Amino acid sequence: PCAGLDKLCTGAKGLVHTVIRKDIIESIPLQRLQDVCDYHSSVEEASQTAERAGIETLVFTHYVPAFPSGQEEEWEKIAAQHFSGRIELGDDLHRVEIGE
């Protein structure tokens, strides 16, 4: 997250954002995974960016680590603590309708 991203997003209705669960990655002792934390936004950070920018719909994609089926609610709960709009967990070929 950075001020430039906030500025770019302001006024947009939707934001598609890659996300990482830093709380999970930090517990895995692989340096290459630890390095990913330096250049990816966490679920919390992406949600905060969307909230600051006034985004209506936040779509997460390219999850690190990939979550098994059935854990979607956990990711949504984390995001909802920081973002008051609509949250969608995108997958391959996911389509989103954004209002006018």
N, C-alpha and C. Protein backbone atom coordinates (compact mmCIF):
# COMPACT_ATOMS: atom_id res chain seq x y z
N PRO A 1 0.83 -1.20 0.00
CA PRO A 1 0.00 0.00 0.00
C PRO A 1 0.87 1.26 0.00
N CYS A 2 0.37 2.28 -0.68
CA CYS A 2 1.10 3.54 -0.72
C CYS A 2 0.14 4.66 -1.09
N ALA A 3 0.56 5.89 -0.87
CA ALA A 3 -0.28 7.05 -1.16
C ALA A 3 -0.67 7.09 -2.63
N GLY A 4 0.24 6.67 -3.50
CA GLY A 4 -0.06 6.67 -4.93
C GLY A 4 -1.21 5.73 -5.28
N LEU A 5 -1.25 4.58 -4.64
CA LEU A 5 -2.35 3.64 -4.88
C LEU A 5 -3.65 4.21 -4.36
N ASP A 6 -3.61 4.82 -3.18
CA ASP A 6 -4.82 5.47 -2.65
C ASP A 6 -5.36 6.50 -3.64
N LYS A 7 -4.46 7.32 -4.15
CA LYS A 7 -4.86 8.38 -5.10
C LYS A 7 -5.44 7.78 -6.38
N LEU A 8 -4.79 6.76 -6.88
CA LEU A 8 -5.25 6.10 -8.11
C LEU A 8 -6.63 5.48 -7.94
N CYS A 9 -6.90 4.93 -6.77
CA CYS A 9 -8.17 4.24 -6.50
C CYS A 9 -9.32 5.18 -6.17
N THR A 10 -9.02 6.36 -5.70
CA THR A 10 -10.07 7.28 -5.26
C THR A 10 -11.04 7.57 -6.40
N GLY A 11 -12.31 7.37 -6.13
CA GLY A 11 -13.35 7.61 -7.12
C GLY A 11 -13.74 6.39 -7.93
N ALA A 12 -12.95 5.32 -7.80
CA ALA A 12 -13.28 4.08 -8.52
C ALA A 12 -14.39 3.35 -7.78
N LYS A 13 -15.18 2.60 -8.51
CA LYS A 13 -16.25 1.82 -7.90
C LYS A 13 -15.76 0.45 -7.45
N GLY A 14 -14.74 -0.06 -8.14
CA GLY A 14 -14.24 -1.39 -7.81
C GLY A 14 -12.72 -1.43 -7.78
N LEU A 15 -12.20 -2.35 -6.99
CA LEU A 15 -10.76 -2.57 -6.90
C LEU A 15 -10.52 -4.07 -6.90
N VAL A 16 -9.69 -4.53 -7.84
CA VAL A 16 -9.26 -5.93 -7.88
C VAL A 16 -7.83 -5.94 -7.34
N HIS A 17 -7.60 -6.73 -6.31
CA HIS A 17 -6.32 -6.65 -5.61
C HIS A 17 -5.81 -8.04 -5.25
N THR A 18 -4.53 -8.30 -5.54
CA THR A 18 -3.90 -9.53 -5.06
C THR A 18 -3.71 -9.40 -3.56
N VAL A 19 -3.78 -10.51 -2.84
CA VAL A 19 -3.63 -10.44 -1.39
C VAL A 19 -2.82 -11.60 -0.84
N ILE A 20 -2.23 -11.34 0.31
CA ILE A 20 -1.42 -12.33 0.99
C ILE A 20 -1.86 -12.39 2.45
N ARG A 21 -1.82 -13.57 3.02
CA ARG A 21 -2.08 -13.71 4.46
C ARG A 21 -0.72 -13.74 5.15
N LYS A 22 -0.24 -12.58 5.54
CA LYS A 22 1.07 -12.49 6.17
C LYS A 22 1.15 -13.30 7.45
N ASP A 23 0.03 -13.40 8.16
CA ASP A 23 0.03 -14.18 9.41
C ASP A 23 0.35 -15.65 9.15
N ILE A 24 -0.04 -16.16 8.00
CA ILE A 24 0.26 -17.55 7.65
C ILE A 24 1.68 -17.66 7.09
N ILE A 25 2.02 -16.79 6.14
CA ILE A 25 3.32 -16.84 5.48
C ILE A 25 4.46 -16.69 6.47
N GLU A 26 4.30 -15.80 7.45
CA GLU A 26 5.38 -15.57 8.42
C GLU A 26 5.67 -16.80 9.27
N SER A 27 4.76 -17.76 9.31
CA SER A 27 4.99 -18.98 10.09
C SER A 27 5.65 -20.09 9.27
N ILE A 28 5.90 -19.83 7.99
CA ILE A 28 6.52 -20.83 7.11
C ILE A 28 7.99 -20.45 6.93
N PRO A 29 8.93 -21.30 7.36
CA PRO A 29 10.34 -20.94 7.35
C PRO A 29 11.03 -21.08 5.98
N LEU A 30 10.47 -20.47 4.96
CA LEU A 30 11.10 -20.46 3.64
C LEU A 30 11.36 -19.01 3.27
N GLN A 31 12.63 -18.67 3.03
CA GLN A 31 12.98 -17.27 2.77
C GLN A 31 12.25 -16.71 1.55
N ARG A 32 12.11 -17.51 0.50
CA ARG A 32 11.43 -16.98 -0.69
C ARG A 32 9.98 -16.62 -0.40
N LEU A 33 9.33 -17.33 0.50
CA LEU A 33 7.97 -16.96 0.90
C LEU A 33 7.98 -15.73 1.79
N GLN A 34 8.96 -15.65 2.68
CA GLN A 34 9.08 -14.47 3.54
C GLN A 34 9.27 -13.21 2.69
N ASP A 35 10.05 -13.32 1.62
CA ASP A 35 10.30 -12.17 0.74
C ASP A 35 9.03 -11.65 0.10
N VAL A 36 8.08 -12.53 -0.16
CA VAL A 36 6.81 -12.14 -0.78
C VAL A 36 6.08 -11.10 0.08
N CYS A 37 6.26 -11.17 1.38
CA CYS A 37 5.60 -10.22 2.29
C CYS A 37 6.05 -8.78 2.04
N ASP A 38 7.25 -8.61 1.47
CA ASP A 38 7.77 -7.26 1.24
C ASP A 38 7.08 -6.54 0.08
N TYR A 39 6.50 -7.28 -0.84
CA TYR A 39 5.95 -6.60 -2.02
C TYR A 39 4.52 -7.02 -2.36
N HIS A 40 3.81 -7.58 -1.41
CA HIS A 40 2.39 -7.88 -1.58
C HIS A 40 1.61 -7.28 -0.42
N SER A 41 0.41 -6.84 -0.70
CA SER A 41 -0.47 -6.32 0.35
C SER A 41 -1.15 -7.47 1.07
N SER A 42 -1.29 -7.30 2.36
CA SER A 42 -2.05 -8.27 3.14
C SER A 42 -3.54 -8.03 2.91
N VAL A 43 -4.35 -8.95 3.37
CA VAL A 43 -5.81 -8.78 3.29
C VAL A 43 -6.19 -7.49 4.00
N GLU A 44 -5.61 -7.25 5.16
CA GLU A 44 -5.90 -6.05 5.93
C GLU A 44 -5.51 -4.79 5.17
N GLU A 45 -4.29 -4.78 4.60
CA GLU A 45 -3.81 -3.60 3.88
C GLU A 45 -4.64 -3.30 2.65
N ALA A 46 -4.98 -4.32 1.88
CA ALA A 46 -5.81 -4.12 0.69
C ALA A 46 -7.18 -3.58 1.07
N SER A 47 -7.73 -4.10 2.15
CA SER A 47 -9.04 -3.65 2.63
C SER A 47 -8.99 -2.20 3.10
N GLN A 48 -7.93 -1.84 3.78
CA GLN A 48 -7.76 -0.46 4.24
C GLN A 48 -7.60 0.49 3.06
N THR A 49 -6.87 0.08 2.04
CA THR A 49 -6.73 0.90 0.84
C THR A 49 -8.10 1.14 0.22
N ALA A 50 -8.89 0.09 0.07
CA ALA A 50 -10.22 0.22 -0.52
C ALA A 50 -11.12 1.13 0.31
N GLU A 51 -11.04 1.01 1.61
CA GLU A 51 -11.86 1.85 2.50
C GLU A 51 -11.47 3.32 2.38
N ARG A 52 -10.17 3.60 2.42
CA ARG A 52 -9.70 5.00 2.30
C ARG A 52 -10.13 5.62 0.98
N ALA A 53 -10.13 4.81 -0.08
CA ALA A 53 -10.45 5.31 -1.42
C ALA A 53 -11.94 5.40 -1.69
N GLY A 54 -12.75 4.87 -0.79
CA GLY A 54 -14.20 4.91 -1.00
C GLY A 54 -14.70 3.92 -2.03
N ILE A 55 -13.98 2.83 -2.20
CA ILE A 55 -14.35 1.78 -3.15
C ILE A 55 -15.66 1.13 -2.72
N GLU A 56 -16.50 0.77 -3.70
CA GLU A 56 -17.75 0.08 -3.40
C GLU A 56 -17.58 -1.43 -3.33
N THR A 57 -16.81 -1.98 -4.28
CA THR A 57 -16.62 -3.44 -4.37
C THR A 57 -15.14 -3.76 -4.41
N LEU A 58 -14.71 -4.62 -3.49
CA LEU A 58 -13.33 -5.06 -3.41
C LEU A 58 -13.28 -6.54 -3.80
N VAL A 59 -12.47 -6.85 -4.80
CA VAL A 59 -12.35 -8.22 -5.28
C VAL A 59 -10.91 -8.68 -5.03
N PHE A 60 -10.77 -9.75 -4.26
CA PHE A 60 -9.46 -10.32 -4.03
C PHE A 60 -9.16 -11.37 -5.08
N THR A 61 -7.87 -11.49 -5.43
CA THR A 61 -7.45 -12.48 -6.40
C THR A 61 -6.00 -12.88 -6.11
N HIS A 62 -5.54 -13.96 -6.69
CA HIS A 62 -4.17 -14.44 -6.55
C HIS A 62 -3.74 -14.50 -5.08
N TYR A 63 -4.34 -15.39 -4.36
CA TYR A 63 -4.14 -15.52 -2.92
C TYR A 63 -2.84 -16.24 -2.60
N VAL A 64 -2.14 -15.70 -1.61
CA VAL A 64 -0.94 -16.36 -1.11
C VAL A 64 -1.08 -16.48 0.40
N PRO A 65 -1.08 -17.69 0.94
CA PRO A 65 -1.15 -18.95 0.21
C PRO A 65 -2.57 -19.19 -0.30
N ALA A 66 -2.67 -20.06 -1.27
CA ALA A 66 -4.00 -20.43 -1.76
C ALA A 66 -4.77 -21.07 -0.62
N PHE A 67 -6.04 -20.72 -0.52
CA PHE A 67 -6.81 -21.29 0.59
C PHE A 67 -7.67 -22.45 0.12
N PRO A 68 -7.78 -23.47 0.97
CA PRO A 68 -8.62 -24.61 0.62
C PRO A 68 -10.09 -24.22 0.63
N SER A 69 -10.86 -24.92 -0.13
CA SER A 69 -12.30 -24.69 -0.16
C SER A 69 -12.86 -24.76 1.25
N GLY A 70 -13.74 -23.82 1.56
CA GLY A 70 -14.34 -23.78 2.88
C GLY A 70 -13.75 -22.73 3.80
N GLN A 71 -12.63 -22.10 3.38
CA GLN A 71 -12.01 -21.07 4.22
C GLN A 71 -12.33 -19.66 3.74
N GLU A 72 -13.21 -19.55 2.76
CA GLU A 72 -13.53 -18.24 2.20
C GLU A 72 -14.03 -17.27 3.26
N GLU A 73 -14.87 -17.75 4.16
CA GLU A 73 -15.45 -16.89 5.19
C GLU A 73 -14.39 -16.25 6.07
N GLU A 74 -13.35 -16.99 6.35
CA GLU A 74 -12.27 -16.46 7.19
C GLU A 74 -11.60 -15.26 6.53
N TRP A 75 -11.31 -15.37 5.23
CA TRP A 75 -10.69 -14.26 4.49
C TRP A 75 -11.65 -13.07 4.44
N GLU A 76 -12.93 -13.32 4.21
CA GLU A 76 -13.92 -12.24 4.16
C GLU A 76 -14.05 -11.55 5.51
N LYS A 77 -14.01 -12.31 6.60
CA LYS A 77 -14.11 -11.73 7.95
C LYS A 77 -12.95 -10.79 8.23
N ILE A 78 -11.77 -11.19 7.84
CA ILE A 78 -10.59 -10.34 8.04
C ILE A 78 -10.76 -9.03 7.28
N ALA A 79 -11.18 -9.14 6.02
CA ALA A 79 -11.37 -7.94 5.19
C ALA A 79 -12.45 -7.03 5.75
N ALA A 80 -13.53 -7.61 6.22
CA ALA A 80 -14.68 -6.83 6.71
C ALA A 80 -14.33 -6.01 7.96
N GLN A 81 -13.28 -6.37 8.65
CA GLN A 81 -12.84 -5.58 9.81
C GLN A 81 -12.28 -4.23 9.38
N HIS A 82 -11.91 -4.11 8.09
CA HIS A 82 -11.25 -2.89 7.60
C HIS A 82 -11.97 -2.24 6.43
N PHE A 83 -12.96 -2.92 5.87
CA PHE A 83 -13.64 -2.43 4.67
C PHE A 83 -15.14 -2.62 4.82
N SER A 84 -15.89 -1.57 4.55
CA SER A 84 -17.34 -1.61 4.77
C SER A 84 -18.15 -1.90 3.51
N GLY A 85 -17.49 -2.03 2.37
CA GLY A 85 -18.21 -2.29 1.13
C GLY A 85 -18.38 -3.78 0.85
N ARG A 86 -18.72 -4.08 -0.40
CA ARG A 86 -18.92 -5.47 -0.83
C ARG A 86 -17.56 -6.13 -1.07
N ILE A 87 -17.41 -7.35 -0.58
CA ILE A 87 -16.17 -8.11 -0.72
C ILE A 87 -16.45 -9.36 -1.53
N GLU A 88 -15.64 -9.57 -2.56
CA GLU A 88 -15.76 -10.79 -3.36
C GLU A 88 -14.41 -11.48 -3.43
N LEU A 89 -14.43 -12.79 -3.37
CA LEU A 89 -13.22 -13.58 -3.52
C LEU A 89 -13.22 -14.14 -4.94
N GLY A 90 -12.39 -13.55 -5.77
CA GLY A 90 -12.36 -13.94 -7.17
C GLY A 90 -11.57 -15.22 -7.39
N ASP A 91 -11.94 -15.92 -8.43
CA ASP A 91 -11.19 -17.09 -8.86
C ASP A 91 -11.02 -16.96 -10.37
N ASP A 92 -10.48 -17.96 -11.01
CA ASP A 92 -10.28 -17.89 -12.46
C ASP A 92 -11.60 -17.61 -13.16
N LEU A 93 -11.58 -16.66 -14.07
CA LEU A 93 -12.73 -16.25 -14.88
C LEU A 93 -13.87 -15.65 -14.04
N HIS A 94 -13.56 -15.18 -12.85
CA HIS A 94 -14.55 -14.53 -11.99
C HIS A 94 -15.05 -13.25 -12.67
N ARG A 95 -16.34 -13.04 -12.63
CA ARG A 95 -16.94 -11.84 -13.22
C ARG A 95 -17.60 -11.04 -12.11
N VAL A 96 -17.48 -9.72 -12.23
CA VAL A 96 -18.02 -8.82 -11.22
C VAL A 96 -18.83 -7.75 -11.93
N GLU A 97 -20.02 -7.49 -11.42
CA GLU A 97 -20.83 -6.40 -11.94
C GLU A 97 -20.62 -5.20 -11.04
N ILE A 98 -20.24 -4.10 -11.63
CA ILE A 98 -20.01 -2.85 -10.91
C ILE A 98 -21.08 -1.86 -11.36
N GLY A 99 -21.72 -1.20 -10.40
CA GLY A 99 -22.77 -0.23 -10.72
C GLY A 99 -22.24 0.94 -11.54
N GLU A 100 -23.18 1.68 -12.10
CA GLU A 100 -22.80 2.83 -12.94
C GLU A 100 -22.34 3.99 -12.13
